[in-house]
């Protein structure tokens, strides 16, 4: 049986790899921040969730701010989605310049 809540030790690299695949509709990422995975409850289940926030341009040149939530299970990244309301409100964001090097 897999322990669902193992802390993801290499979360930064996993998040970068997934976002490179997932963020095909934006360019010119600026002001990128990452909050380390923390135990959070989402839809009644506790999981390690990391929060990502950045500013970028979409393909039509419209600036946008995005906040994403990266979910982990058993120490592995399972998905990155738009952060549901209040999930990342008090996240301890730190600069994440690696995301700006897309």
N, C-alpha and C. Protein backbone atom coordinates (compact mmCIF):
# COMPACT_ATOMS: atom_id res chain seq x y z
N UNK A 1 0.84 -1.18 0.00
CA UNK A 1 0.00 0.00 0.00
C UNK A 1 0.89 1.25 0.00
N UNK A 2 0.54 2.22 -0.80
CA UNK A 2 1.30 3.47 -0.91
C UNK A 2 0.83 4.44 0.17
N UNK A 3 1.80 5.04 0.85
CA UNK A 3 1.49 6.11 1.80
C UNK A 3 1.17 7.35 0.96
N UNK A 4 -0.05 7.88 1.04
CA UNK A 4 -0.45 8.99 0.16
C UNK A 4 0.26 10.31 0.45
N UNK A 5 0.67 10.55 1.68
CA UNK A 5 1.21 11.85 2.04
C UNK A 5 2.69 11.81 2.38
N UNK A 6 3.49 11.45 1.39
CA UNK A 6 4.94 11.50 1.49
C UNK A 6 5.39 12.85 0.93
N UNK A 7 6.25 13.54 1.67
CA UNK A 7 6.70 14.85 1.20
C UNK A 7 7.50 14.69 -0.10
N UNK A 8 7.14 15.46 -1.14
CA UNK A 8 7.83 15.37 -2.43
C UNK A 8 9.15 16.13 -2.43
N UNK A 9 10.25 15.44 -2.27
CA UNK A 9 11.56 16.06 -2.14
C UNK A 9 12.03 16.86 -3.34
N UNK A 10 11.67 16.46 -4.54
CA UNK A 10 12.13 17.16 -5.75
C UNK A 10 10.97 17.88 -6.44
N UNK A 11 10.14 18.49 -5.65
CA UNK A 11 8.92 19.11 -6.18
C UNK A 11 9.20 20.22 -7.19
N UNK A 12 10.24 21.02 -7.01
CA UNK A 12 10.51 22.12 -7.94
C UNK A 12 10.76 21.60 -9.36
N UNK A 13 11.61 20.59 -9.49
CA UNK A 13 11.92 20.02 -10.81
C UNK A 13 10.68 19.38 -11.43
N UNK A 14 9.89 18.71 -10.63
CA UNK A 14 8.68 18.06 -11.15
C UNK A 14 7.67 19.09 -11.64
N UNK A 15 7.52 20.16 -10.87
CA UNK A 15 6.58 21.21 -11.27
C UNK A 15 7.05 21.88 -12.56
N UNK A 16 8.34 22.21 -12.65
CA UNK A 16 8.87 22.82 -13.87
C UNK A 16 8.64 21.93 -15.09
N UNK A 17 8.94 20.65 -14.94
CA UNK A 17 8.78 19.72 -16.06
C UNK A 17 7.32 19.67 -16.53
N UNK A 18 6.40 19.59 -15.58
CA UNK A 18 4.99 19.52 -15.95
C UNK A 18 4.50 20.83 -16.56
N UNK A 19 4.92 21.96 -16.01
CA UNK A 19 4.47 23.24 -16.55
C UNK A 19 5.00 23.48 -17.95
N UNK A 20 6.18 22.97 -18.26
CA UNK A 20 6.70 23.10 -19.63
C UNK A 20 5.81 22.38 -20.62
N UNK A 21 5.20 21.30 -20.20
CA UNK A 21 4.26 20.55 -21.04
C UNK A 21 2.89 21.20 -21.08
N UNK A 22 2.50 21.76 -19.97
CA UNK A 22 1.13 22.22 -19.77
C UNK A 22 0.89 23.65 -20.23
N UNK A 23 1.86 24.53 -20.09
CA UNK A 23 1.66 25.95 -20.38
C UNK A 23 2.05 26.31 -21.80
N UNK A 24 1.30 25.84 -22.74
CA UNK A 24 1.60 26.10 -24.15
C UNK A 24 0.94 27.37 -24.66
N UNK A 25 0.09 27.98 -23.85
CA UNK A 25 -0.67 29.14 -24.30
C UNK A 25 -0.15 30.47 -23.77
N UNK A 26 1.02 30.48 -23.12
CA UNK A 26 1.52 31.73 -22.56
C UNK A 26 2.98 31.94 -22.91
N UNK A 27 3.41 33.19 -22.83
CA UNK A 27 4.80 33.56 -23.06
C UNK A 27 5.18 34.65 -22.06
N UNK A 28 6.46 34.95 -22.01
CA UNK A 28 6.96 36.08 -21.24
C UNK A 28 6.54 36.01 -19.76
N UNK A 29 6.85 34.90 -19.12
CA UNK A 29 6.50 34.72 -17.71
C UNK A 29 7.35 35.64 -16.85
N UNK A 30 6.69 36.35 -15.95
CA UNK A 30 7.35 37.28 -15.03
C UNK A 30 6.77 37.09 -13.63
N UNK A 31 7.48 37.59 -12.65
CA UNK A 31 7.00 37.58 -11.27
C UNK A 31 6.51 36.20 -10.84
N UNK A 32 7.34 35.19 -11.05
CA UNK A 32 6.97 33.82 -10.70
C UNK A 32 7.32 33.53 -9.24
N UNK A 33 6.40 32.88 -8.57
CA UNK A 33 6.57 32.52 -7.17
C UNK A 33 6.09 31.09 -6.95
N UNK A 34 6.70 30.42 -5.98
CA UNK A 34 6.35 29.05 -5.63
C UNK A 34 6.28 28.94 -4.11
N UNK A 35 5.25 28.28 -3.63
CA UNK A 35 5.14 27.95 -2.20
C UNK A 35 5.40 26.46 -2.06
N UNK A 36 6.29 26.09 -1.17
CA UNK A 36 6.63 24.69 -0.95
C UNK A 36 5.37 23.89 -0.60
N UNK A 37 5.38 22.61 -0.94
CA UNK A 37 4.22 21.77 -0.62
C UNK A 37 3.88 21.82 0.87
N UNK A 38 2.61 21.95 1.14
CA UNK A 38 2.10 21.96 2.51
C UNK A 38 0.85 21.09 2.53
N UNK A 39 0.58 20.50 3.66
CA UNK A 39 -0.63 19.70 3.80
C UNK A 39 -1.84 20.63 3.77
N UNK A 40 -2.71 20.39 2.81
CA UNK A 40 -3.94 21.18 2.65
C UNK A 40 -5.09 20.22 2.39
N UNK A 41 -6.26 20.64 2.76
CA UNK A 41 -7.45 19.84 2.51
C UNK A 41 -8.16 20.38 1.28
N UNK A 42 -8.43 19.51 0.32
CA UNK A 42 -9.15 19.86 -0.89
C UNK A 42 -10.18 18.78 -1.15
N UNK A 43 -11.42 19.18 -1.25
CA UNK A 43 -12.54 18.27 -1.45
C UNK A 43 -12.53 17.14 -0.42
N UNK A 44 -12.25 17.50 0.83
CA UNK A 44 -12.32 16.55 1.93
C UNK A 44 -11.12 15.62 2.09
N UNK A 45 -10.09 15.80 1.27
CA UNK A 45 -8.92 14.93 1.34
C UNK A 45 -7.67 15.77 1.59
N UNK A 46 -6.83 15.31 2.52
CA UNK A 46 -5.57 16.00 2.80
C UNK A 46 -4.48 15.48 1.87
N UNK A 47 -3.77 16.41 1.25
CA UNK A 47 -2.66 16.09 0.36
C UNK A 47 -1.62 17.18 0.47
N UNK A 48 -0.39 16.85 0.05
CA UNK A 48 0.61 17.89 -0.12
C UNK A 48 0.26 18.65 -1.40
N UNK A 49 0.17 19.95 -1.27
CA UNK A 49 -0.17 20.82 -2.40
C UNK A 49 0.81 21.99 -2.40
N UNK A 50 1.42 22.25 -3.55
CA UNK A 50 2.29 23.41 -3.74
C UNK A 50 1.54 24.43 -4.58
N UNK A 51 1.77 25.70 -4.31
CA UNK A 51 1.09 26.76 -5.05
C UNK A 51 2.11 27.52 -5.91
N UNK A 52 1.68 27.87 -7.12
CA UNK A 52 2.51 28.60 -8.07
C UNK A 52 1.73 29.83 -8.53
N UNK A 53 2.41 30.97 -8.59
CA UNK A 53 1.76 32.20 -9.06
C UNK A 53 2.72 32.92 -10.00
N UNK A 54 2.19 33.47 -11.08
CA UNK A 54 3.02 34.21 -12.03
C UNK A 54 2.17 35.11 -12.90
N UNK A 55 2.84 36.04 -13.57
CA UNK A 55 2.23 36.90 -14.58
C UNK A 55 2.78 36.47 -15.93
N UNK A 56 1.94 36.53 -16.96
CA UNK A 56 2.37 36.13 -18.30
C UNK A 56 1.45 36.74 -19.34
N UNK A 57 1.86 36.62 -20.57
CA UNK A 57 1.02 37.04 -21.70
C UNK A 57 0.44 35.80 -22.34
N UNK A 58 -0.84 35.88 -22.71
CA UNK A 58 -1.37 34.76 -23.50
C UNK A 58 -0.97 34.99 -24.95
N UNK A 59 -1.29 34.06 -25.82
CA UNK A 59 -0.82 34.14 -27.22
C UNK A 59 -1.34 35.36 -27.95
N UNK A 60 -2.43 35.94 -27.48
CA UNK A 60 -2.96 37.14 -28.13
C UNK A 60 -2.37 38.42 -27.54
N UNK A 61 -1.44 38.28 -26.57
CA UNK A 61 -0.77 39.44 -25.99
C UNK A 61 -1.48 40.05 -24.80
N UNK A 62 -2.48 39.37 -24.29
CA UNK A 62 -3.22 39.88 -23.14
C UNK A 62 -2.52 39.42 -21.85
N UNK A 63 -2.16 40.38 -20.96
CA UNK A 63 -1.51 39.98 -19.72
C UNK A 63 -2.50 39.30 -18.77
N UNK A 64 -1.98 38.36 -18.02
CA UNK A 64 -2.83 37.66 -17.07
C UNK A 64 -2.00 37.19 -15.88
N UNK A 65 -2.64 37.13 -14.75
CA UNK A 65 -2.03 36.56 -13.54
C UNK A 65 -2.66 35.20 -13.34
N UNK A 66 -1.81 34.21 -13.07
CA UNK A 66 -2.31 32.85 -12.86
C UNK A 66 -1.83 32.34 -11.52
N UNK A 67 -2.70 31.61 -10.86
CA UNK A 67 -2.36 30.93 -9.62
C UNK A 67 -2.75 29.47 -9.81
N UNK A 68 -1.79 28.58 -9.63
CA UNK A 68 -1.99 27.16 -9.86
C UNK A 68 -1.72 26.37 -8.59
N UNK A 69 -2.31 25.19 -8.52
CA UNK A 69 -2.09 24.28 -7.39
C UNK A 69 -1.55 22.97 -7.95
N UNK A 70 -0.42 22.53 -7.39
CA UNK A 70 0.21 21.27 -7.79
C UNK A 70 -0.07 20.23 -6.70
N UNK A 71 -0.71 19.15 -7.08
CA UNK A 71 -1.12 18.11 -6.13
C UNK A 71 -0.15 16.94 -6.17
N UNK A 72 0.15 16.41 -5.00
CA UNK A 72 1.07 15.28 -4.87
C UNK A 72 0.39 14.11 -4.17
N UNK A 73 0.72 12.90 -4.61
CA UNK A 73 0.23 11.67 -3.98
C UNK A 73 1.39 10.71 -3.91
N UNK A 74 1.68 10.21 -2.74
CA UNK A 74 2.79 9.28 -2.58
C UNK A 74 4.13 9.89 -2.96
N UNK A 75 4.27 11.20 -2.83
CA UNK A 75 5.50 11.88 -3.18
C UNK A 75 5.63 12.25 -4.65
N UNK A 76 4.65 11.86 -5.47
CA UNK A 76 4.69 12.13 -6.91
C UNK A 76 3.66 13.19 -7.30
N UNK A 77 4.03 14.03 -8.26
CA UNK A 77 3.12 15.04 -8.79
C UNK A 77 2.03 14.34 -9.58
N UNK A 78 0.77 14.64 -9.27
CA UNK A 78 -0.33 14.00 -9.98
C UNK A 78 -1.04 14.95 -10.93
N UNK A 79 -1.12 16.24 -10.58
CA UNK A 79 -1.78 17.20 -11.46
C UNK A 79 -1.46 18.62 -11.04
N UNK A 80 -1.58 19.53 -12.00
CA UNK A 80 -1.50 20.95 -11.72
C UNK A 80 -2.73 21.58 -12.34
N UNK A 81 -3.50 22.26 -11.51
CA UNK A 81 -4.75 22.87 -11.97
C UNK A 81 -4.81 24.32 -11.51
N UNK A 82 -5.76 25.08 -12.06
CA UNK A 82 -6.01 26.42 -11.57
C UNK A 82 -6.36 26.31 -10.10
N UNK A 83 -5.74 27.12 -9.28
CA UNK A 83 -5.95 27.02 -7.83
C UNK A 83 -7.40 27.37 -7.49
N UNK A 84 -8.08 26.44 -6.83
CA UNK A 84 -9.44 26.74 -6.37
C UNK A 84 -9.42 27.89 -5.37
N UNK A 85 -10.52 28.58 -5.26
CA UNK A 85 -10.63 29.73 -4.36
C UNK A 85 -10.13 29.39 -2.97
N UNK A 86 -9.31 30.24 -2.43
CA UNK A 86 -8.79 30.17 -1.06
C UNK A 86 -7.78 29.06 -0.80
N UNK A 87 -7.49 28.18 -1.75
CA UNK A 87 -6.54 27.10 -1.50
C UNK A 87 -5.13 27.63 -1.28
N UNK A 88 -4.76 28.69 -1.99
CA UNK A 88 -3.39 29.23 -1.90
C UNK A 88 -3.34 30.60 -1.24
N UNK A 89 -4.41 30.99 -0.59
CA UNK A 89 -4.50 32.33 -0.01
C UNK A 89 -3.35 32.66 0.92
N UNK A 90 -3.00 31.79 1.82
CA UNK A 90 -1.95 32.07 2.80
C UNK A 90 -0.66 31.32 2.49
N UNK A 91 -0.44 30.99 1.23
CA UNK A 91 0.76 30.25 0.84
C UNK A 91 2.00 31.09 1.09
N UNK A 92 3.06 30.43 1.53
CA UNK A 92 4.34 31.11 1.80
C UNK A 92 5.17 31.21 0.52
N UNK A 93 4.78 32.09 -0.37
CA UNK A 93 5.44 32.21 -1.67
C UNK A 93 6.88 32.70 -1.53
N UNK A 94 7.74 32.11 -2.36
CA UNK A 94 9.13 32.52 -2.50
C UNK A 94 9.41 32.70 -4.00
N UNK A 95 10.34 33.57 -4.38
CA UNK A 95 10.64 33.74 -5.80
C UNK A 95 10.97 32.40 -6.46
N UNK A 96 10.52 32.24 -7.70
CA UNK A 96 10.71 31.01 -8.47
C UNK A 96 11.24 31.39 -9.86
N UNK A 97 12.46 31.94 -9.92
CA UNK A 97 12.98 32.46 -11.19
C UNK A 97 13.15 31.37 -12.25
N UNK A 98 13.27 30.11 -11.87
CA UNK A 98 13.42 29.03 -12.85
C UNK A 98 12.23 28.98 -13.81
N UNK A 99 11.04 29.34 -13.34
CA UNK A 99 9.86 29.32 -14.19
C UNK A 99 9.93 30.42 -15.24
N UNK A 100 10.65 31.49 -14.97
CA UNK A 100 10.76 32.60 -15.90
C UNK A 100 11.72 32.32 -17.04
N UNK A 101 12.39 31.18 -17.03
CA UNK A 101 13.37 30.83 -18.05
C UNK A 101 12.80 29.90 -19.10
N UNK A 102 11.49 29.94 -19.31
CA UNK A 102 10.84 29.09 -20.31
C UNK A 102 11.35 29.42 -21.68
